[in-house]
């Protein structure tokens, strides 16, 4: 698979909309997103190599994210 250019990281915001200003928190958030991106890319590549449809794998990853809930939060 070809490498794509790096994406600009979001401005992380607090619940009230103000930007997160702590550089260490921003660093952790950006590292988390990078790790998730790498795992998703690996899963996509593995699936395609095993003959699965790339769009189906991406849809499954989207559904996983869409289904995330906060720990302890009742829906």
PDB file of N, CA and C in Angstrom:
ATOM      1  N   UNK A   1       0.851  -1.179   0.000  1.00  0.00           N
ATOM      2  CA  UNK A   1       0.000   0.000   0.000  1.00  0.00           C
ATOM      3  C   UNK A   1       0.892   1.235   0.000  1.00  0.00           C
ATOM      4  N   UNK A   2       0.448   2.251  -0.669  1.00  0.00           N
ATOM      5  CA  UNK A   2       1.253   3.473  -0.740  1.00  0.00           C
ATOM      6  C   UNK A   2       1.015   4.342   0.482  1.00  0.00           C
ATOM      7  N   UNK A   3       2.060   5.031   0.863  1.00  0.00           N
ATOM      8  CA  UNK A   3       1.954   5.936   2.011  1.00  0.00           C
ATOM      9  C   UNK A   3       1.208   7.188   1.583  1.00  0.00           C
ATOM     10  N   UNK A   4       0.412   7.706   2.476  1.00  0.00           N
ATOM     11  CA  UNK A   4      -0.309   8.949   2.162  1.00  0.00           C
ATOM     12  C   UNK A   4       0.311  10.066   2.977  1.00  0.00           C
ATOM     13  N   UNK A   5       0.124  11.290   2.521  1.00  0.00           N
ATOM     14  CA  UNK A   5       0.697  12.401   3.283  1.00  0.00           C
ATOM     15  C   UNK A   5       0.071  12.504   4.663  1.00  0.00           C
ATOM     16  N   UNK A   6       0.848  12.948   5.653  1.00  0.00           N
ATOM     17  CA  UNK A   6       0.294  13.061   7.002  1.00  0.00           C
ATOM     18  C   UNK A   6      -0.835  14.079   7.061  1.00  0.00           C
ATOM     19  N   UNK A   7      -1.846  13.765   7.851  1.00  0.00           N
ATOM     20  CA  UNK A   7      -2.964  14.682   8.032  1.00  0.00           C
ATOM     21  C   UNK A   7      -2.645  15.661   9.152  1.00  0.00           C
ATOM     22  N   UNK A   8      -3.191  16.842   9.028  1.00  0.00           N
ATOM     23  CA  UNK A   8      -3.066  17.819  10.115  1.00  0.00           C
ATOM     24  C   UNK A   8      -3.867  17.306  11.299  1.00  0.00           C
ATOM     25  N   UNK A   9      -3.323  17.419  12.473  1.00  0.00           N
ATOM     26  CA  UNK A   9      -4.016  16.974  13.675  1.00  0.00           C
ATOM     27  C   UNK A   9      -5.063  18.013  14.061  1.00  0.00           C
ATOM     28  N   UNK A  10      -6.158  17.560  14.658  1.00  0.00           N
ATOM     29  CA  UNK A  10      -7.217  18.506  15.037  1.00  0.00           C
ATOM     30  C   UNK A  10      -6.783  19.392  16.193  1.00  0.00           C
ATOM     31  N   UNK A  11      -7.482  20.486  16.337  1.00  0.00           N
ATOM     32  CA  UNK A  11      -7.354  21.296  17.542  1.00  0.00           C
ATOM     33  C   UNK A  11      -8.256  20.607  18.562  1.00  0.00           C
ATOM     34  N   UNK A  12      -7.654  20.038  19.591  1.00  0.00           N
ATOM     35  CA  UNK A  12      -8.425  19.321  20.602  1.00  0.00           C
ATOM     36  C   UNK A  12      -9.183  20.323  21.456  1.00  0.00           C
ATOM     37  N   UNK A  13     -10.456  20.037  21.692  1.00  0.00           N
ATOM     38  CA  UNK A  13     -11.311  20.963  22.416  1.00  0.00           C
ATOM     39  C   UNK A  13     -11.909  20.309  23.648  1.00  0.00           C
ATOM     40  N   UNK A  14     -12.153  21.139  24.640  1.00  0.00           N
ATOM     41  CA  UNK A  14     -12.831  20.720  25.860  1.00  0.00           C
ATOM     42  C   UNK A  14     -14.332  20.671  25.580  1.00  0.00           C
ATOM     43  N   UNK A  15     -15.094  20.141  26.521  1.00  0.00           N
ATOM     44  CA  UNK A  15     -16.544  20.031  26.348  1.00  0.00           C
ATOM     45  C   UNK A  15     -17.200  21.388  26.115  1.00  0.00           C
ATOM     46  N   UNK A  16     -16.594  22.465  26.657  1.00  0.00           N
ATOM     47  CA  UNK A  16     -17.169  23.799  26.481  1.00  0.00           C
ATOM     48  C   UNK A  16     -16.702  24.480  25.194  1.00  0.00           C
ATOM     49  N   UNK A  17     -15.918  23.771  24.385  1.00  0.00           N
ATOM     50  CA  UNK A  17     -15.463  24.307  23.110  1.00  0.00           C
ATOM     51  C   UNK A  17     -14.115  25.003  23.145  1.00  0.00           C
ATOM     52  N   UNK A  18     -13.605  25.265  24.331  1.00  0.00           N
ATOM     53  CA  UNK A  18     -12.292  25.912  24.443  1.00  0.00           C
ATOM     54  C   UNK A  18     -11.206  24.922  24.066  1.00  0.00           C
ATOM     55  N   UNK A  19     -10.133  25.385  23.415  1.00  0.00           N
ATOM     56  CA  UNK A  19      -9.065  24.469  23.045  1.00  0.00           C
ATOM     57  C   UNK A  19      -8.318  23.948  24.275  1.00  0.00           C
ATOM     58  N   UNK A  20      -7.890  22.693  24.191  1.00  0.00           N
ATOM     59  CA  UNK A  20      -7.034  22.127  25.229  1.00  0.00           C
ATOM     60  C   UNK A  20      -5.682  22.817  25.108  1.00  0.00           C
ATOM     61  N   UNK A  21      -5.172  23.328  26.207  1.00  0.00           N
ATOM     62  CA  UNK A  21      -3.934  24.094  26.146  1.00  0.00           C
ATOM     63  C   UNK A  21      -2.722  23.346  26.696  1.00  0.00           C
ATOM     64  N   UNK A  22      -2.955  22.261  27.420  1.00  0.00           N
ATOM     65  CA  UNK A  22      -1.852  21.507  28.013  1.00  0.00           C
ATOM     66  C   UNK A  22      -1.118  20.726  26.912  1.00  0.00           C
ATOM     67  N   UNK A  23       0.136  21.054  26.705  1.00  0.00           N
ATOM     68  CA  UNK A  23       0.900  20.413  25.636  1.00  0.00           C
ATOM     69  C   UNK A  23       1.050  18.912  25.835  1.00  0.00           C
ATOM     70  N   UNK A  24       1.170  18.465  27.079  1.00  0.00           N
ATOM     71  CA  UNK A  24       1.301  17.032  27.346  1.00  0.00           C
ATOM     72  C   UNK A  24       0.011  16.294  26.978  1.00  0.00           C
ATOM     73  N   UNK A  25      -1.150  16.895  27.278  1.00  0.00           N
ATOM     74  CA  UNK A  25      -2.423  16.281  26.912  1.00  0.00           C
ATOM     75  C   UNK A  25      -2.563  16.202  25.393  1.00  0.00           C
ATOM     76  N   UNK A  26      -2.197  17.263  24.712  1.00  0.00           N
ATOM     77  CA  UNK A  26      -2.262  17.294  23.250  1.00  0.00           C
ATOM     78  C   UNK A  26      -1.349  16.225  22.662  1.00  0.00           C
ATOM     79  N   UNK A  27      -0.163  16.085  23.231  1.00  0.00           N
ATOM     80  CA  UNK A  27       0.798  15.083  22.772  1.00  0.00           C
ATOM     81  C   UNK A  27       0.214  13.680  22.922  1.00  0.00           C
ATOM     82  N   UNK A  28      -0.393  13.385  24.076  1.00  0.00           N
ATOM     83  CA  UNK A  28      -0.987  12.069  24.317  1.00  0.00           C
ATOM     84  C   UNK A  28      -2.132  11.814  23.339  1.00  0.00           C
ATOM     85  N   UNK A  29      -3.003  12.800  23.151  1.00  0.00           N
ATOM     86  CA  UNK A  29      -4.124  12.641  22.222  1.00  0.00           C
ATOM     87  C   UNK A  29      -3.628  12.364  20.806  1.00  0.00           C
ATOM     88  N   UNK A  30      -2.633  13.113  20.363  1.00  0.00           N
ATOM     89  CA  UNK A  30      -2.083  12.909  19.018  1.00  0.00           C
ATOM     90  C   UNK A  30      -1.423  11.536  18.882  1.00  0.00           C
ATOM     91  N   UNK A  31      -0.718  11.087  19.927  1.00  0.00           N
ATOM     92  CA  UNK A  31      -0.111   9.759  19.893  1.00  0.00           C
ATOM     93  C   UNK A  31      -1.177   8.674  19.833  1.00  0.00           C
ATOM     94  N   UNK A  32      -2.251   8.850  20.596  1.00  0.00           N
ATOM     95  CA  UNK A  32      -3.347   7.874  20.563  1.00  0.00           C
ATOM     96  C   UNK A  32      -3.933   7.761  19.163  1.00  0.00           C
ATOM     97  N   UNK A  33      -4.179   8.890  18.525  1.00  0.00           N
ATOM     98  CA  UNK A  33      -4.749   8.880  17.177  1.00  0.00           C
ATOM     99  C   UNK A  33      -3.783   8.212  16.196  1.00  0.00           C
ATOM    100  N   UNK A  34      -2.500   8.479  16.340  1.00  0.00           N
ATOM    101  CA  UNK A  34      -1.505   7.869  15.458  1.00  0.00           C
ATOM    102  C   UNK A  34      -1.489   6.345  15.627  1.00  0.00           C
ATOM    103  N   UNK A  35      -1.560   5.883  16.872  1.00  0.00           N
ATOM    104  CA  UNK A  35      -1.581   4.444  17.129  1.00  0.00           C
ATOM    105  C   UNK A  35      -2.828   3.797  16.536  1.00  0.00           C
ATOM    106  N   UNK A  36      -3.969   4.445  16.703  1.00  0.00           N
ATOM    107  CA  UNK A  36      -5.220   3.923  16.145  1.00  0.00           C
ATOM    108  C   UNK A  36      -5.141   3.881  14.619  1.00  0.00           C
ATOM    109  N   UNK A  37      -4.599   4.927  14.036  1.00  0.00           N
ATOM    110  CA  UNK A  37      -4.454   4.963  12.575  1.00  0.00           C
ATOM    111  C   UNK A  37      -3.573   3.813  12.092  1.00  0.00           C
ATOM    112  N   UNK A  38      -2.476   3.565  12.792  1.00  0.00           N
ATOM    113  CA  UNK A  38      -1.580   2.477  12.399  1.00  0.00           C
ATOM    114  C   UNK A  38      -2.273   1.118  12.519  1.00  0.00           C
ATOM    115  N   UNK A  39      -3.027   0.908  13.606  1.00  0.00           N
ATOM    116  CA  UNK A  39      -3.751  -0.352  13.782  1.00  0.00           C
ATOM    117  C   UNK A  39      -4.808  -0.547  12.700  1.00  0.00           C
ATOM    118  N   UNK A  40      -5.535   0.526  12.389  1.00  0.00           N
ATOM    119  CA  UNK A  40      -6.557   0.442  11.344  1.00  0.00           C
ATOM    120  C   UNK A  40      -5.930   0.151   9.982  1.00  0.00           C
ATOM    121  N   UNK A  41      -4.824   0.795   9.696  1.00  0.00           N
ATOM    122  CA  UNK A  41      -4.137   0.551   8.428  1.00  0.00           C
ATOM    123  C   UNK A  41      -3.672  -0.905   8.345  1.00  0.00           C
ATOM    124  N   UNK A  42      -3.123  -1.425   9.447  1.00  0.00           N
ATOM    125  CA  UNK A  42      -2.687  -2.817   9.472  1.00  0.00           C
ATOM    126  C   UNK A  42      -3.862  -3.769   9.274  1.00  0.00           C
ATOM    127  N   UNK A  43      -4.988  -3.489   9.940  1.00  0.00           N
ATOM    128  CA  UNK A  43      -6.174  -4.332   9.804  1.00  0.00           C
ATOM    129  C   UNK A  43      -6.697  -4.302   8.368  1.00  0.00           C
ATOM    130  N   UNK A  44      -6.706  -3.131   7.765  1.00  0.00           N
ATOM    131  CA  UNK A  44      -7.155  -3.004   6.377  1.00  0.00           C
ATOM    132  C   UNK A  44      -6.244  -3.790   5.446  1.00  0.00           C
ATOM    133  N   UNK A  45      -4.948  -3.621   5.631  1.00  0.00           N
ATOM    134  CA  UNK A  45      -3.990  -4.327   4.782  1.00  0.00           C
ATOM    135  C   UNK A  45      -4.115  -5.843   4.957  1.00  0.00           C
ATOM    136  N   UNK A  46      -4.224  -6.308   6.209  1.00  0.00           N
ATOM    137  CA  UNK A  46      -4.379  -7.746   6.455  1.00  0.00           C
ATOM    138  C   UNK A  46      -5.629  -8.281   5.777  1.00  0.00           C
ATOM    139  N   UNK A  47      -6.730  -7.571   5.938  1.00  0.00           N
ATOM    140  CA  UNK A  47      -7.981  -8.019   5.341  1.00  0.00           C
ATOM    141  C   UNK A  47      -7.910  -8.106   3.827  1.00  0.00           C
ATOM    142  N   UNK A  48      -7.330  -7.097   3.219  1.00  0.00           N
ATOM    143  CA  UNK A  48      -7.208  -7.100   1.755  1.00  0.00           C
ATOM    144  C   UNK A  48      -6.301  -8.239   1.304  1.00  0.00           C
ATOM    145  N   UNK A  49      -5.206  -8.446   2.022  1.00  0.00           N
ATOM    146  CA  UNK A  49      -4.301  -9.549   1.675  1.00  0.00           C
ATOM    147  C   UNK A  49      -4.987 -10.904   1.806  1.00  0.00           C
ATOM    148  N   UNK A  50      -5.981 -11.006   2.701  1.00  0.00           N
ATOM    149  CA  UNK A  50      -6.727 -12.254   2.870  1.00  0.00           C
ATOM    150  C   UNK A  50      -7.923 -12.342   1.935  1.00  0.00           C
ATOM    151  N   UNK A  51      -8.075 -11.358   1.051  1.00  0.00           N
ATOM    152  CA  UNK A  51      -9.114 -11.421   0.037  1.00  0.00           C
ATOM    153  C   UNK A  51     -10.407 -10.717   0.389  1.00  0.00           C
ATOM    154  N   UNK A  52     -10.447  -9.988   1.489  1.00  0.00           N
ATOM    155  CA  UNK A  52     -11.664  -9.271   1.870  1.00  0.00           C
ATOM    156  C   UNK A  52     -11.799  -7.968   1.083  1.00  0.00           C
ATOM    157  N   UNK A  53     -13.022  -7.477   1.026  1.00  0.00           N
ATOM    158  CA  UNK A  53     -13.309  -6.217   0.356  1.00  0.00           C
ATOM    159  C   UNK A  53     -12.892  -5.048   1.252  1.00  0.00           C
ATOM    160  N   UNK A  54     -12.075  -4.146   0.717  1.00  0.00           N
ATOM    161  CA  UNK A  54     -11.566  -3.015   1.499  1.00  0.00           C
ATOM    162  C   UNK A  54     -12.689  -2.134   2.022  1.00  0.00           C
ATOM    163  N   UNK A  55     -13.722  -1.908   1.211  1.00  0.00           N
ATOM    164  CA  UNK A  55     -14.831  -1.056   1.655  1.00  0.00           C
ATOM    165  C   UNK A  55     -15.585  -1.678   2.825  1.00  0.00           C
ATOM    166  N   UNK A  56     -15.726  -3.014   2.835  1.00  0.00           N
ATOM    167  CA  UNK A  56     -16.395  -3.675   3.944  1.00  0.00           C
ATOM    168  C   UNK A  56     -15.569  -3.536   5.226  1.00  0.00           C
ATOM    169  N   UNK A  57     -14.261  -3.671   5.122  1.00  0.00           N
ATOM    170  CA  UNK A  57     -13.394  -3.524   6.291  1.00  0.00           C
ATOM    171  C   UNK A  57     -13.496  -2.098   6.832  1.00  0.00           C
ATOM    172  N   UNK A  58     -13.452  -1.116   5.946  1.00  0.00           N
ATOM    173  CA  UNK A  58     -13.579   0.274   6.377  1.00  0.00           C
ATOM    174  C   UNK A  58     -14.932   0.522   7.043  1.00  0.00           C
ATOM    175  N   UNK A  59     -15.991  -0.057   6.492  1.00  0.00           N
ATOM    176  CA  UNK A  59     -17.324   0.100   7.090  1.00  0.00           C
ATOM    177  C   UNK A  59     -17.359  -0.518   8.485  1.00  0.00           C
ATOM    178  N   UNK A  60     -16.700  -1.665   8.663  1.00  0.00           N
ATOM    179  CA  UNK A  60     -16.662  -2.304   9.976  1.00  0.00           C
ATOM    180  C   UNK A  60     -15.899  -1.435  10.971  1.00  0.00           C
ATOM    181  N   UNK A  61     -14.819  -0.808  10.525  1.00  0.00           N
ATOM    182  CA  UNK A  61     -14.052   0.081  11.402  1.00  0.00           C
ATOM    183  C   UNK A  61     -14.868   1.322  11.767  1.00  0.00           C
ATOM    184  N   UNK A  62     -15.595   1.869  10.793  1.00  0.00           N
ATOM    185  CA  UNK A  62     -16.479   3.017  11.075  1.00  0.00           C
ATOM    186  C   UNK A  62     -17.544   2.632  12.100  1.00  0.00           C
ATOM    187  N   UNK A  63     -18.144   1.452  11.910  1.00  0.00           N
ATOM    188  CA  UNK A  63     -19.187   0.992  12.830  1.00  0.00           C
ATOM    189  C   UNK A  63     -18.619   0.814  14.241  1.00  0.00           C
ATOM    190  N   UNK A  64     -17.391   0.331  14.322  1.00  0.00           N
ATOM    191  CA  UNK A  64     -16.747   0.174  15.622  1.00  0.00           C
ATOM    192  C   UNK A  64     -16.623   1.516  16.325  1.00  0.00           C
ATOM    193  N   UNK A  65     -16.141   2.521  15.617  1.00  0.00           N
ATOM    194  CA  UNK A  65     -15.980   3.855  16.197  1.00  0.00           C
ATOM    195  C   UNK A  65     -17.340   4.449  16.543  1.00  0.00           C
ATOM    196  N   UNK A  66     -18.290   4.318  15.637  1.00  0.00           N
ATOM    197  CA  UNK A  66     -19.624   4.870  15.882  1.00  0.00           C
ATOM    198  C   UNK A  66     -20.291   4.239  17.095  1.00  0.00           C
ATOM    199  N   UNK A  67     -19.934   2.998  17.417  1.00  0.00           N
ATOM    200  CA  UNK A  67     -20.541   2.304  18.538  1.00  0.00           C
ATOM    201  C   UNK A  67     -19.841   2.524  19.871  1.00  0.00           C
ATOM    202  N   UNK A  68     -18.750   3.281  19.883  1.00  0.00           N
ATOM    203  CA  UNK A  68     -18.033   3.524  21.136  1.00  0.00           C
ATOM    204  C   UNK A  68     -18.889   4.329  22.106  1.00  0.00           C
ATOM    205  N   UNK A  69     -18.795   3.964  23.373  1.00  0.00           N
ATOM    206  CA  UNK A  69     -19.477   4.715  24.426  1.00  0.00           C
ATOM    207  C   UNK A  69     -18.468   5.012  25.522  1.00  0.00           C
ATOM    208  N   UNK A  70     -18.775   6.013  26.317  1.00  0.00           N
ATOM    209  CA  UNK A  70     -17.916   6.333  27.455  1.00  0.00           C
ATOM    210  C   UNK A  70     -18.093   5.282  28.533  1.00  0.00           C
ATOM    211  N   UNK A  71     -16.989   4.832  29.147  1.00  0.00           N
ATOM    212  CA  UNK A  71     -17.116   3.840  30.207  1.00  0.00           C
ATOM    213  C   UNK A  71     -18.017   4.368  31.333  1.00  0.00           C
ATOM    214  N   UNK A  72     -18.950   3.525  31.772  1.00  0.00           N
ATOM    215  CA  UNK A  72     -19.829   3.892  32.866  1.00  0.00           C
ATOM    216  C   UNK A  72     -20.983   4.778  32.483  1.00  0.00           C
ATOM    217  N   UNK A  73     -21.062   5.213  31.222  1.00  0.00           N
ATOM    218  CA  UNK A  73     -22.157   6.099  30.807  1.00  0.00           C
ATOM    219  C   UNK A  73     -23.333   5.256  30.314  1.00  0.00           C
ATOM    220  N   UNK A  74     -24.514   5.538  30.811  1.00  0.00           N
ATOM    221  CA  UNK A  74     -25.730   4.844  30.395  1.00  0.00           C
ATOM    222  C   UNK A  74     -26.304   5.535  29.166  1.00  0.00           C
ATOM    223  N   UNK A  75     -26.705   4.716  28.181  1.00  0.00           N
ATOM    224  CA  UNK A  75     -27.322   5.283  26.966  1.00  0.00           C
ATOM    225  C   UNK A  75     -28.804   5.426  27.116  1.00  0.00           C
TER     226      UNK A  75
END
